[in-house]
Amino acid sequence: MMRQSPERGSRIDDVLHGGIRAGSVQKGDQVSDGQRMNRIQRRIVLIGLVPLFMSLLSVSIINVVLPAIESDLAASSSALQWVLTGYALAFGVVLVASGRAGDVFGRGQLFMIGVGLFGLASLVAGIAPGTLTLNISRVFMGLGSGLLNPQVVGLLQQYFHGPQRGRAFGLMGTTVGLSVATGPVLGGVLIALFGPELGWRAAFLVNVPFAIISIILARAWLPTSAWHPIPADDDPDADPTAASANERRAPKRERDLDPVGVILLGLGVLLVLLPFVESTVGWFIWLGLPLGLITLWLWIRWERRYSSRGHAPMVDLDLFGIRSFSNGSIIITLYFMGVTSVWVLVAIYMQQGLGHTALAAGMIGLPAALLSAVSADVSGRFVFQIGRRLVVWGIITCLVGLVSTMFVVFLLTQGIGSEWWMLLTLCFIGAAQGMVISPNQTLTLQEIPLKYAGSAGGVLQTGQRIGTSMGLAIMTALAFAVTAVSDWNVGMISSFAAIAVIVVLAGGVGLAEVRRGRRRQL
């Protein structure tokens, strides 16, 4: 047997410990391998969650600064619509493809490209002379977000295991909750500090320094293995102990990005999303929905045919045969279809229905969003002990929040109580967010092979985007239709009742998954 050199041994240790460089521990440091791994994990969390926070902040902050953009740039309603639409469409269309690209080429590269594109587009948006430049830059911001988000999910999946993974996804949920909480308040503060003309620009420019810092830290701190593709589990020629790029090269078929599949899926998602996010073009845009569904059907046919020829498809459709993944995807799509519109409806109700300011409308959801952040962190610690029951209890908690909020609005119709009781009732929905989103993501991806972690995470996030877009379109349309013949109190109760029905459907899928888990334990 050939004697192994010390250098070779350190390289093997490097790979077996998730790509930690042997030289990453400074001279004089006396730490164990476990402690060293924890330090690398903390760095990965910091590197990933800061730009994730900024990308999601750009979703929640925009509603507050839209009136300032309208007055400063003399923007039309169509132009303002595309400030929202361009970001949402670009974000949703590239999620799965970028997740797969991270699996194939290495997540570090895709992450840095996404962060760089997001930061550069934010800079252009902040100095935009007119609405055309602003809208184009918002599209590129969405593309950057769509590139970086699946890489964060993939990195957490790759470098965290067991209870640590639950805690990592819990921190991710905390980040989501804080971005939702901070966005409206930060937008209002920037407008108050700098005035409408500079305040809305500052809302975009604030992303730039964080993007620069994230790129620098990613280049310095991401482990070596984050810059390489994930080798095929079943490849007999792959050397799992090789550390160099040449030695760790994945098999040729795993580097196939499946360009036809990328185009078909991107076009299908675009056609499905467009009717729900763009309301100013006309009725004919709804033709995109059946065309999108047909395109998605063609994509499925292509992926099966592509796989049968021995190629690696963009999304291995066998993943949907994993019940925990398919049921978890349905749960989160339904949940986002319902609950995401809660915060938009409350903001509209506070302003148009009750005559409050935009800042007051943003503040009423602040305790709920902060509680969501805390709840996600706590849930991440116990997700593997409790399992999918935690998600079901979260859905029940959400229903309590929806029903109690409807009761507060009903009392207002009787001249009793105050709308500020919603500070309390919405906290149930906030706590539910932390109990549902991150734990469900952890459990849904638990059985996914590492080589498909990025694309599977992209599928989950695409479901969230489609659910969000459909829910916002349907629930706001319902609320405005009811208010056209009644008032905003009745509109709120009607739309919240519809949301509750969708959440109940998500809970039904969750209960089925709990029962399946119990049968597996018998």
Protein backbone atom coordinates (compact mmCIF):
# COMPACT_ATOMS: atom_id res chain seq x y z
CA MET A 1 0.00 0.00 0.00
CA MET A 2 1.35 3.38 -1.03
CA ARG A 3 2.33 5.58 1.89
CA GLN A 4 0.35 8.80 1.94
CA SER A 5 2.19 12.10 2.03
CA PRO A 6 1.34 14.61 4.78
CA GLU A 7 0.25 17.08 2.11
CA ARG A 8 -2.11 14.54 0.55
CA GLY A 9 -3.48 13.68 3.98
CA SER A 10 -4.27 17.31 4.73
CA ARG A 11 -6.06 17.61 1.41
CA ILE A 12 -8.17 14.55 2.20
CA ASP A 13 -8.99 16.04 5.61
CA ASP A 14 -9.88 19.28 3.82
CA VAL A 15 -12.51 17.64 1.65
CA LEU A 16 -13.92 15.32 4.28
CA HIS A 17 -14.58 18.33 6.47
CA GLY A 18 -16.68 20.09 3.86
CA GLY A 19 -13.93 21.93 2.03
CA ILE A 20 -12.24 23.54 5.04
CA ARG A 21 -8.73 24.49 4.02
CA ALA A 22 -6.04 22.98 6.21
CA GLY A 23 -4.44 26.38 6.42
CA SER A 24 -7.62 28.15 7.41
CA VAL A 25 -6.68 27.93 11.10
CA GLN A 26 -4.17 30.58 11.97
CA LYS A 27 -0.92 29.75 13.73
CA GLY A 28 -1.41 29.53 17.44
CA ASP A 29 -5.07 28.64 17.25
CA GLN A 30 -5.84 25.61 19.40
CA VAL A 31 -9.23 24.41 18.20
CA SER A 32 -10.67 21.02 17.48
CA ASP A 33 -11.98 19.97 14.09
CA GLY A 34 -15.53 20.34 15.38
CA GLN A 35 -14.86 23.88 16.58
CA ARG A 36 -13.19 24.74 13.29
CA MET A 37 -16.22 23.44 11.39
CA ASN A 38 -18.49 25.58 13.52
CA ARG A 39 -16.45 28.65 12.66
CA ILE A 40 -16.74 27.88 8.94
CA GLN A 41 -20.47 27.37 9.33
CA ARG A 42 -20.87 30.71 11.07
CA ARG A 43 -19.01 32.38 8.23
CA ILE A 44 -21.24 30.70 5.64
CA VAL A 45 -24.33 31.90 7.49
CA LEU A 46 -23.00 35.48 7.57
CA ILE A 47 -21.93 35.41 3.92
CA GLY A 48 -25.25 34.02 2.73
CA LEU A 49 -27.84 35.69 4.91
CA VAL A 50 -26.68 39.32 4.58
CA PRO A 51 -27.30 39.58 0.80
CA LEU A 52 -30.41 37.41 1.22
CA PHE A 53 -31.68 39.97 3.72
CA MET A 54 -30.99 42.84 1.30
CA SER A 55 -32.66 41.08 -1.63
CA LEU A 56 -35.83 40.46 0.39
CA LEU A 57 -35.68 43.95 1.88
CA SER A 58 -35.94 45.26 -1.68
CA VAL A 59 -39.33 43.53 -1.91
CA SER A 60 -40.83 44.94 1.28
CA ILE A 61 -39.33 48.45 1.12
CA ILE A 62 -40.63 49.33 -2.34
CA ASN A 63 -44.31 49.74 -1.38
CA VAL A 64 -43.44 52.59 0.99
CA VAL A 65 -41.25 54.53 -1.47
CA LEU A 66 -43.51 54.18 -4.55
CA PRO A 67 -45.35 57.48 -3.89
CA ALA A 68 -41.99 59.30 -3.71
CA ILE A 69 -40.89 57.72 -7.01
CA GLU A 70 -44.17 58.78 -8.59
CA SER A 71 -43.78 62.41 -7.54
CA ASP A 72 -40.04 62.71 -8.26
CA LEU A 73 -39.98 61.03 -11.68
CA ALA A 74 -43.55 61.88 -12.71
CA ALA A 75 -44.07 58.15 -13.16
CA SER A 76 -47.24 56.78 -14.72
CA SER A 77 -49.23 54.02 -13.07
CA SER A 78 -47.92 51.57 -15.66
CA ALA A 79 -44.31 52.54 -14.92
CA LEU A 80 -44.91 52.14 -11.20
CA GLN A 81 -46.47 48.74 -11.81
CA TRP A 82 -43.31 47.61 -13.58
CA VAL A 83 -41.14 48.75 -10.67
CA LEU A 84 -42.86 45.92 -8.81
CA THR A 85 -43.43 43.56 -11.72
CA GLY A 86 -39.93 43.59 -13.23
CA TYR A 87 -38.33 42.50 -9.98
CA ALA A 88 -40.90 39.79 -9.26
CA LEU A 89 -40.82 38.29 -12.76
CA ALA A 90 -37.03 38.21 -13.09
CA PHE A 91 -36.70 36.80 -9.57
CA GLY A 92 -39.14 33.95 -10.16
CA VAL A 93 -38.09 32.97 -13.68
CA VAL A 94 -34.40 32.18 -12.97
CA LEU A 95 -34.65 30.46 -9.57
CA VAL A 96 -34.58 26.82 -10.69
CA ALA A 97 -32.07 27.37 -13.50
CA SER A 98 -29.68 29.26 -11.23
CA GLY A 99 -30.03 26.63 -8.52
CA ARG A 100 -29.12 23.93 -11.02
CA ALA A 101 -26.21 26.02 -12.34
CA GLY A 102 -24.87 26.22 -8.78
CA ASP A 103 -25.05 22.43 -8.49
CA VAL A 104 -23.26 22.00 -11.82
CA PHE A 105 -20.59 24.70 -11.79
CA GLY A 106 -20.14 25.51 -8.10
CA ARG A 107 -22.26 27.65 -5.80
CA GLY A 108 -19.54 30.17 -4.95
CA GLN A 109 -19.30 31.52 -8.50
CA LEU A 110 -23.07 31.82 -8.96
CA PHE A 111 -23.43 33.44 -5.54
CA MET A 112 -20.84 36.12 -6.31
CA ILE A 113 -22.33 36.80 -9.76
CA GLY A 114 -25.78 37.17 -8.21
CA VAL A 115 -24.60 39.48 -5.43
CA GLY A 116 -22.53 41.55 -7.87
CA LEU A 117 -25.42 41.92 -10.31
CA PHE A 118 -27.82 42.82 -7.51
CA GLY A 119 -25.45 45.44 -6.10
CA LEU A 120 -24.64 47.00 -9.49
CA ALA A 121 -28.32 47.14 -10.47
CA SER A 122 -29.14 48.75 -7.09
CA LEU A 123 -26.56 51.44 -7.81
CA VAL A 124 -28.09 52.15 -11.23
CA ALA A 125 -31.59 52.22 -9.71
CA GLY A 126 -30.44 54.69 -7.06
CA ILE A 127 -29.14 57.17 -9.65
CA ALA A 128 -31.76 56.47 -12.34
CA PRO A 129 -32.71 59.65 -14.26
CA GLY A 130 -36.08 58.29 -15.32
CA THR A 131 -38.54 55.42 -15.03
CA LEU A 132 -37.12 53.45 -18.01
CA THR A 133 -33.68 53.18 -16.40
CA LEU A 134 -35.27 52.43 -13.04
CA ASN A 135 -37.42 49.62 -14.41
CA ILE A 136 -34.54 48.01 -16.35
CA SER A 137 -32.35 48.12 -13.25
CA ARG A 138 -35.15 46.56 -11.19
CA VAL A 139 -35.26 43.65 -13.65
CA PHE A 140 -31.52 43.11 -13.18
CA MET A 141 -31.93 43.38 -9.41
CA GLY A 142 -34.49 40.58 -9.67
CA LEU A 143 -32.10 38.50 -11.77
CA GLY A 144 -29.37 39.00 -9.17
CA SER A 145 -31.73 37.95 -6.38
CA GLY A 146 -32.81 34.92 -8.39
CA LEU A 147 -29.18 33.92 -8.85
CA LEU A 148 -28.07 34.29 -5.23
CA ASN A 149 -31.10 32.93 -3.34
CA PRO A 150 -30.84 29.26 -4.42
CA GLN A 151 -27.10 29.31 -3.71
CA VAL A 152 -27.79 30.27 -0.09
CA VAL A 153 -30.19 27.32 0.24
CA GLY A 154 -27.66 25.03 -1.44
CA LEU A 155 -24.80 26.16 0.80
CA LEU A 156 -26.84 25.60 3.95
CA GLN A 157 -27.85 22.18 2.63
CA GLN A 158 -24.23 21.33 1.81
CA TYR A 159 -22.45 22.46 4.97
CA PHE A 160 -25.05 21.81 7.68
CA HIS A 161 -26.41 18.43 8.74
CA GLY A 162 -28.94 17.14 11.26
CA PRO A 163 -29.98 19.59 14.00
CA GLN A 164 -27.40 22.12 12.77
CA ARG A 165 -29.21 22.30 9.44
CA GLY A 166 -32.49 22.99 11.21
CA ARG A 167 -30.82 25.80 13.15
CA ALA A 168 -29.31 27.21 9.94
CA PHE A 169 -32.66 27.27 8.15
CA GLY A 170 -34.14 28.77 11.32
CA LEU A 171 -31.67 31.64 11.04
CA MET A 172 -32.67 31.95 7.40
CA GLY A 173 -36.29 32.27 8.52
CA THR A 174 -35.24 34.88 11.04
CA THR A 175 -33.61 36.81 8.22
CA VAL A 176 -36.81 36.66 6.19
CA GLY A 177 -38.84 37.91 9.14
CA LEU A 178 -36.45 40.78 9.84
CA SER A 179 -36.44 41.83 6.17
CA VAL A 180 -40.24 41.97 6.19
CA ALA A 181 -40.22 43.95 9.44
CA THR A 182 -37.42 46.33 8.50
CA GLY A 183 -38.42 47.15 4.92
CA PRO A 184 -41.49 49.35 5.43
CA VAL A 185 -40.02 51.06 8.51
CA LEU A 186 -36.65 51.71 6.84
CA GLY A 187 -38.39 53.10 3.77
CA GLY A 188 -40.38 55.51 5.91
CA VAL A 189 -37.29 56.56 7.87
CA LEU A 190 -35.25 57.24 4.70
CA ILE A 191 -38.07 59.34 3.24
CA ALA A 192 -38.31 61.28 6.51
CA LEU A 193 -34.53 61.84 6.75
CA PHE A 194 -33.67 62.70 3.15
CA GLY A 195 -36.99 63.84 1.73
CA PRO A 196 -38.96 62.19 -1.10
CA GLU A 197 -36.43 63.02 -3.86
CA LEU A 198 -33.40 61.46 -2.16
CA GLY A 199 -35.18 59.08 0.20
CA TRP A 200 -36.37 56.66 -2.47
CA ARG A 201 -32.91 56.67 -4.05
CA ALA A 202 -31.34 55.85 -0.68
CA ALA A 203 -33.66 52.84 -0.46
CA PHE A 204 -31.76 51.33 -3.42
CA LEU A 205 -28.29 52.69 -2.70
CA VAL A 206 -28.27 51.14 0.78
CA ASN A 207 -27.78 47.75 -0.93
CA VAL A 208 -24.48 48.71 -2.57
CA PRO A 209 -22.04 48.66 0.38
CA PHE A 210 -23.53 45.40 1.66
CA ALA A 211 -23.08 43.81 -1.76
CA ILE A 212 -19.42 44.88 -1.90
CA ILE A 213 -18.73 43.54 1.60
CA SER A 214 -20.52 40.26 0.79
CA ILE A 215 -18.40 39.71 -2.34
CA ILE A 216 -15.17 40.36 -0.43
CA LEU A 217 -16.14 38.01 2.41
CA ALA A 218 -17.36 35.31 0.04
CA ARG A 219 -14.05 35.31 -1.82
CA ALA A 220 -12.11 35.15 1.44
CA TRP A 221 -14.26 32.83 3.55
CA LEU A 222 -16.18 30.36 1.38
CA PRO A 223 -14.58 26.89 1.64
CA THR A 224 -12.69 25.45 -1.32
CA SER A 225 -15.43 22.93 -2.10
CA ALA A 226 -18.01 25.72 -2.51
CA TRP A 227 -16.27 26.71 -5.76
CA HIS A 228 -16.52 23.21 -7.29
CA PRO A 229 -19.48 21.21 -8.60
CA ILE A 230 -21.02 18.47 -6.51
CA PRO A 231 -19.75 15.09 -7.83
CA ALA A 232 -22.34 12.51 -8.82
CA ASP A 233 -23.08 10.08 -6.01
CA ASP A 234 -23.16 7.20 -8.45
CA ASP A 235 -20.10 8.07 -10.48
CA PRO A 236 -17.49 5.32 -10.08
CA ASP A 237 -14.70 7.53 -11.40
CA ALA A 238 -15.28 10.46 -9.05
CA ASP A 239 -12.67 10.72 -6.31
CA PRO A 240 -14.40 12.07 -3.18
CA THR A 241 -11.05 12.73 -1.51
CA ALA A 242 -9.59 14.87 -4.30
CA ALA A 243 -9.16 18.54 -3.43
CA SER A 244 -8.02 20.19 -6.65
CA ALA A 245 -10.35 21.36 -9.37
CA ASN A 246 -9.05 18.75 -11.83
CA GLU A 247 -9.21 15.88 -9.32
CA ARG A 248 -12.70 16.81 -8.10
CA ARG A 249 -14.15 17.40 -11.55
CA ALA A 250 -17.66 16.03 -11.71
CA PRO A 251 -18.50 13.62 -14.53
CA LYS A 252 -19.23 15.21 -17.87
CA ARG A 253 -22.93 14.49 -17.80
CA GLU A 254 -23.26 16.33 -14.48
CA ARG A 255 -21.95 19.51 -16.08
CA ASP A 256 -24.84 19.55 -18.56
CA LEU A 257 -27.05 22.51 -17.71
CA ASP A 258 -29.88 21.27 -19.99
CA PRO A 259 -30.36 24.53 -21.97
CA VAL A 260 -33.65 23.45 -23.58
CA GLY A 261 -35.05 22.63 -20.15
CA VAL A 262 -33.86 26.01 -18.85
CA ILE A 263 -35.66 27.87 -21.66
CA LEU A 264 -38.89 25.87 -21.40
CA LEU A 265 -39.16 26.18 -17.62
CA GLY A 266 -38.24 29.88 -17.62
CA LEU A 267 -40.78 30.65 -20.34
CA GLY A 268 -43.47 28.58 -18.62
CA VAL A 269 -42.98 30.29 -15.25
CA LEU A 270 -42.93 33.71 -16.95
CA LEU A 271 -46.22 33.06 -18.77
CA VAL A 272 -47.86 31.74 -15.59
CA LEU A 273 -46.65 34.63 -13.42
CA LEU A 274 -47.32 37.48 -15.85
CA PRO A 275 -51.13 37.62 -15.58
CA PHE A 276 -50.89 37.77 -11.79
CA VAL A 277 -48.24 40.48 -11.50
CA GLU A 278 -49.15 42.73 -14.46
CA SER A 279 -52.62 44.24 -14.48
CA THR A 280 -52.22 47.16 -16.88
CA VAL A 281 -51.83 45.41 -20.27
CA GLY A 282 -55.36 44.09 -20.78
CA TRP A 283 -57.49 40.98 -20.72
CA PHE A 284 -55.48 39.22 -23.42
CA ILE A 285 -52.54 38.84 -21.06
CA TRP A 286 -54.54 36.08 -19.35
CA LEU A 287 -53.91 33.97 -22.44
CA GLY A 288 -50.44 33.57 -20.96
CA LEU A 289 -51.81 31.32 -18.20
CA PRO A 290 -52.95 28.40 -20.41
CA LEU A 291 -49.91 28.91 -22.66
CA GLY A 292 -47.69 28.78 -19.57
CA LEU A 293 -49.30 25.56 -18.35
CA ILE A 294 -48.82 24.00 -21.80
CA THR A 295 -45.17 25.10 -21.78
CA LEU A 296 -44.65 23.56 -18.34
CA TRP A 297 -46.20 20.31 -19.62
CA LEU A 298 -43.75 20.37 -22.55
CA TRP A 299 -40.92 20.98 -20.07
CA ILE A 300 -41.90 17.88 -18.10
CA ARG A 301 -42.00 15.80 -21.29
CA TRP A 302 -38.59 17.14 -22.29
CA GLU A 303 -37.02 16.43 -18.90
CA ARG A 304 -38.22 12.82 -18.96
CA ARG A 305 -36.95 12.32 -22.51
CA TYR A 306 -33.65 14.03 -21.72
CA SER A 307 -33.12 11.82 -18.70
CA SER A 308 -34.00 8.65 -20.63
CA ARG A 309 -31.15 9.46 -23.05
CA GLY A 310 -28.65 9.29 -20.20
CA HIS A 311 -28.31 13.05 -19.62
CA ALA A 312 -28.68 14.83 -16.28
CA PRO A 313 -31.89 16.94 -16.46
CA MET A 314 -32.15 20.40 -14.96
CA VAL A 315 -34.60 19.03 -12.39
CA ASP A 316 -34.66 15.31 -11.71
CA LEU A 317 -38.42 14.68 -11.82
CA ASP A 318 -37.90 11.64 -9.59
CA LEU A 319 -37.47 14.19 -6.80
CA PHE A 320 -41.24 14.64 -6.85
CA GLY A 321 -41.52 10.93 -6.07
CA ILE A 322 -40.00 11.74 -2.68
CA ARG A 323 -43.17 12.36 -0.68
CA SER A 324 -41.56 14.68 1.84
CA PHE A 325 -40.39 16.92 -1.03
CA SER A 326 -43.61 16.89 -3.07
CA ASN A 327 -45.90 17.40 -0.05
CA GLY A 328 -43.62 20.07 1.40
CA SER A 329 -43.65 21.93 -1.93
CA ILE A 330 -47.46 21.88 -2.00
CA ILE A 331 -47.68 23.09 1.60
CA ILE A 332 -45.42 26.08 1.08
CA THR A 333 -47.01 27.06 -2.25
CA LEU A 334 -50.49 27.07 -0.69
CA TYR A 335 -49.25 28.85 2.41
CA PHE A 336 -47.61 31.63 0.42
CA MET A 337 -50.68 31.88 -1.81
CA GLY A 338 -52.69 32.77 1.24
CA VAL A 339 -50.60 34.40 3.93
CA THR A 340 -48.33 36.68 1.88
CA SER A 341 -51.30 38.83 0.87
CA VAL A 342 -52.18 39.44 4.55
CA TRP A 343 -49.61 42.19 4.94
CA VAL A 344 -50.56 43.94 1.70
CA LEU A 345 -54.25 43.85 2.61
CA VAL A 346 -53.58 45.19 6.11
CA ALA A 347 -51.48 48.06 4.69
CA ILE A 348 -54.22 48.96 2.19
CA TYR A 349 -56.92 48.66 4.85
CA MET A 350 -55.03 50.90 7.26
CA GLN A 351 -54.47 53.60 4.63
CA GLN A 352 -57.51 53.49 2.34
CA GLY A 353 -60.01 52.03 4.76
CA LEU A 354 -59.05 53.83 7.98
CA GLY A 355 -57.05 56.82 6.71
CA HIS A 356 -53.74 56.14 8.46
CA THR A 357 -50.31 57.14 7.11
CA ALA A 358 -48.00 54.75 5.27
CA LEU A 359 -45.64 54.67 8.27
CA ALA A 360 -48.48 53.69 10.60
CA ALA A 361 -49.53 51.00 8.13
CA GLY A 362 -45.99 49.64 8.15
CA MET A 363 -45.68 49.80 11.93
CA ILE A 364 -48.79 47.71 12.61
CA GLY A 365 -47.09 44.65 11.19
CA LEU A 366 -43.75 45.27 12.93
CA PRO A 367 -44.40 43.22 16.14
CA ALA A 368 -45.65 40.31 14.03
CA ALA A 369 -42.59 40.38 11.79
CA LEU A 370 -40.21 40.56 14.75
CA LEU A 371 -42.03 37.65 16.41
CA SER A 372 -41.70 35.75 13.12
CA ALA A 373 -37.92 36.20 13.29
CA VAL A 374 -37.77 34.88 16.87
CA SER A 375 -40.17 32.04 16.12
CA ALA A 376 -38.09 30.90 13.12
CA ASP A 377 -34.92 30.72 15.20
CA VAL A 378 -36.60 28.76 18.01
CA SER A 379 -38.36 26.44 15.55
CA GLY A 380 -35.07 25.72 13.84
CA ARG A 381 -33.71 24.30 17.10
CA PHE A 382 -36.55 21.79 17.52
CA VAL A 383 -37.61 20.95 13.96
CA PHE A 384 -36.04 17.48 13.95
CA GLN A 385 -37.45 16.59 17.37
CA ILE A 386 -41.01 17.64 16.49
CA GLY A 387 -41.00 17.09 12.73
CA ARG A 388 -43.87 18.09 10.46
CA ARG A 389 -46.18 18.45 13.46
CA LEU A 390 -44.44 21.78 14.06
CA VAL A 391 -45.60 22.95 10.64
CA VAL A 392 -49.17 21.84 11.35
CA TRP A 393 -49.19 23.68 14.68
CA GLY A 394 -47.90 26.73 12.85
CA ILE A 395 -50.80 26.53 10.40
CA ILE A 396 -53.26 26.25 13.29
CA THR A 397 -51.63 29.31 14.91
CA CYS A 398 -52.01 31.16 11.62
CA LEU A 399 -55.71 30.33 11.50
CA VAL A 400 -56.10 31.71 15.04
CA GLY A 401 -54.51 34.96 13.85
CA LEU A 402 -56.72 35.18 10.76
CA VAL A 403 -59.95 34.52 12.66
CA SER A 404 -59.10 36.90 15.52
CA THR A 405 -58.18 39.66 13.05
CA MET A 406 -61.52 39.15 11.28
CA PHE A 407 -63.21 39.46 14.69
CA VAL A 408 -61.42 42.78 15.39
CA VAL A 409 -62.60 44.15 12.03
CA PHE A 410 -66.14 42.88 12.70
CA LEU A 411 -66.17 44.72 16.02
CA LEU A 412 -65.13 47.89 14.19
CA THR A 413 -68.23 47.57 11.99
CA GLN A 414 -70.25 47.64 15.23
CA GLY A 415 -68.40 50.69 16.51
CA ILE A 416 -66.59 48.65 19.17
CA GLY A 417 -62.89 48.41 19.92
CA SER A 418 -59.89 49.70 17.95
CA GLU A 419 -57.95 48.63 14.87
CA TRP A 420 -54.80 48.66 17.01
CA TRP A 421 -55.88 45.34 18.49
CA MET A 422 -54.50 43.97 15.23
CA LEU A 423 -51.05 44.53 16.69
CA LEU A 424 -51.88 41.52 18.88
CA THR A 425 -53.89 39.36 16.48
CA LEU A 426 -51.34 39.69 13.65
CA CYS A 427 -48.67 38.41 16.06
CA PHE A 428 -50.26 34.96 15.81
CA ILE A 429 -49.69 35.07 12.05
CA GLY A 430 -46.13 36.30 12.60
CA ALA A 431 -45.37 33.45 14.99
CA ALA A 432 -46.89 31.02 12.51
CA GLN A 433 -44.57 32.22 9.75
CA GLY A 434 -41.55 31.15 11.78
CA MET A 435 -43.16 27.80 12.61
CA VAL A 436 -44.10 27.00 9.01
CA ILE A 437 -41.64 28.42 6.46
CA SER A 438 -38.19 27.45 7.74
CA PRO A 439 -39.15 24.09 9.36
CA ASN A 440 -41.05 23.09 6.23
CA GLN A 441 -38.05 23.95 4.07
CA THR A 442 -35.72 21.94 6.31
CA LEU A 443 -37.97 18.87 6.25
CA THR A 444 -38.78 19.18 2.55
CA LEU A 445 -35.10 19.16 1.54
CA GLN A 446 -34.07 16.54 4.12
CA GLU A 447 -34.08 13.58 1.71
CA ILE A 448 -32.83 15.45 -1.38
CA PRO A 449 -29.44 14.31 -2.78
CA LEU A 450 -26.79 16.99 -2.36
CA LYS A 451 -26.12 17.18 -6.11
CA TYR A 452 -29.70 18.47 -6.59
CA ALA A 453 -29.85 20.71 -3.50
CA GLY A 454 -29.66 23.94 -5.54
CA SER A 455 -32.27 23.02 -8.13
CA ALA A 456 -34.58 21.54 -5.47
CA GLY A 457 -34.26 24.76 -3.45
CA GLY A 458 -35.04 26.67 -6.64
CA VAL A 459 -38.20 24.60 -7.16
CA LEU A 460 -39.32 25.39 -3.61
CA GLN A 461 -38.69 29.11 -4.05
CA THR A 462 -40.40 29.13 -7.45
CA GLY A 463 -43.45 27.62 -5.79
CA GLN A 464 -43.30 30.41 -3.22
CA ARG A 465 -43.09 33.06 -5.95
CA ILE A 466 -45.98 31.59 -7.94
CA GLY A 467 -48.06 31.21 -4.79
CA THR A 468 -47.27 34.77 -3.73
CA SER A 469 -48.14 36.27 -7.13
CA MET A 470 -51.38 34.32 -7.48
CA GLY A 471 -52.42 35.06 -3.91
CA LEU A 472 -51.76 38.78 -4.16
CA ALA A 473 -53.69 39.05 -7.42
CA ILE A 474 -56.66 36.99 -6.23
CA MET A 475 -56.98 38.37 -2.71
CA THR A 476 -56.56 42.04 -3.62
CA ALA A 477 -58.99 41.62 -6.52
CA LEU A 478 -61.50 40.04 -4.12
CA ALA A 479 -61.04 42.82 -1.57
CA PHE A 480 -61.52 45.59 -4.16
CA ALA A 481 -64.52 43.82 -5.70
CA VAL A 482 -66.24 43.63 -2.31
CA THR A 483 -65.40 47.23 -1.40
CA ALA A 484 -66.95 48.36 -4.69
CA VAL A 485 -70.36 47.30 -3.35
CA SER A 486 -69.72 47.60 0.39
CA ASP A 487 -66.86 49.02 2.51
CA TRP A 488 -63.31 48.08 3.47
CA ASN A 489 -64.38 46.32 6.66
CA VAL A 490 -66.42 43.81 4.67
CA GLY A 491 -63.66 43.59 2.08
CA MET A 492 -61.11 42.68 4.75
CA ILE A 493 -63.34 40.03 6.32
CA SER A 494 -64.10 38.47 2.91
CA SER A 495 -60.48 38.32 1.78
CA PHE A 496 -59.25 36.99 5.14
CA ALA A 497 -61.92 34.27 4.98
CA ALA A 498 -60.63 33.24 1.55
CA ILE A 499 -57.06 33.20 2.90
CA ALA A 500 -58.20 30.97 5.77
CA VAL A 501 -59.63 28.44 3.29
CA ILE A 502 -56.29 28.20 1.46
CA VAL A 503 -54.40 27.84 4.75
CA VAL A 504 -56.75 25.01 5.76
CA LEU A 505 -55.87 23.23 2.51
CA ALA A 506 -52.18 23.57 3.36
CA GLY A 507 -52.91 22.20 6.81
CA GLY A 508 -54.66 19.18 5.28
CA VAL A 509 -51.52 18.32 3.28
CA GLY A 510 -49.46 18.81 6.44
CA LEU A 511 -51.68 16.42 8.42
CA ALA A 512 -51.35 13.82 5.65
CA GLU A 513 -47.56 14.14 5.88
CA VAL A 514 -47.69 13.74 9.68
CA ARG A 515 -49.74 10.55 9.33
CA ARG A 516 -47.33 9.23 6.70
CA GLY A 517 -44.43 9.85 9.08
CA ARG A 518 -46.19 7.94 11.85
CA ARG A 519 -46.81 4.97 9.52
CA ARG A 520 -43.12 4.90 8.61
CA GLN A 521 -42.19 4.69 12.30
CA LEU A 522 -44.43 1.64 12.87
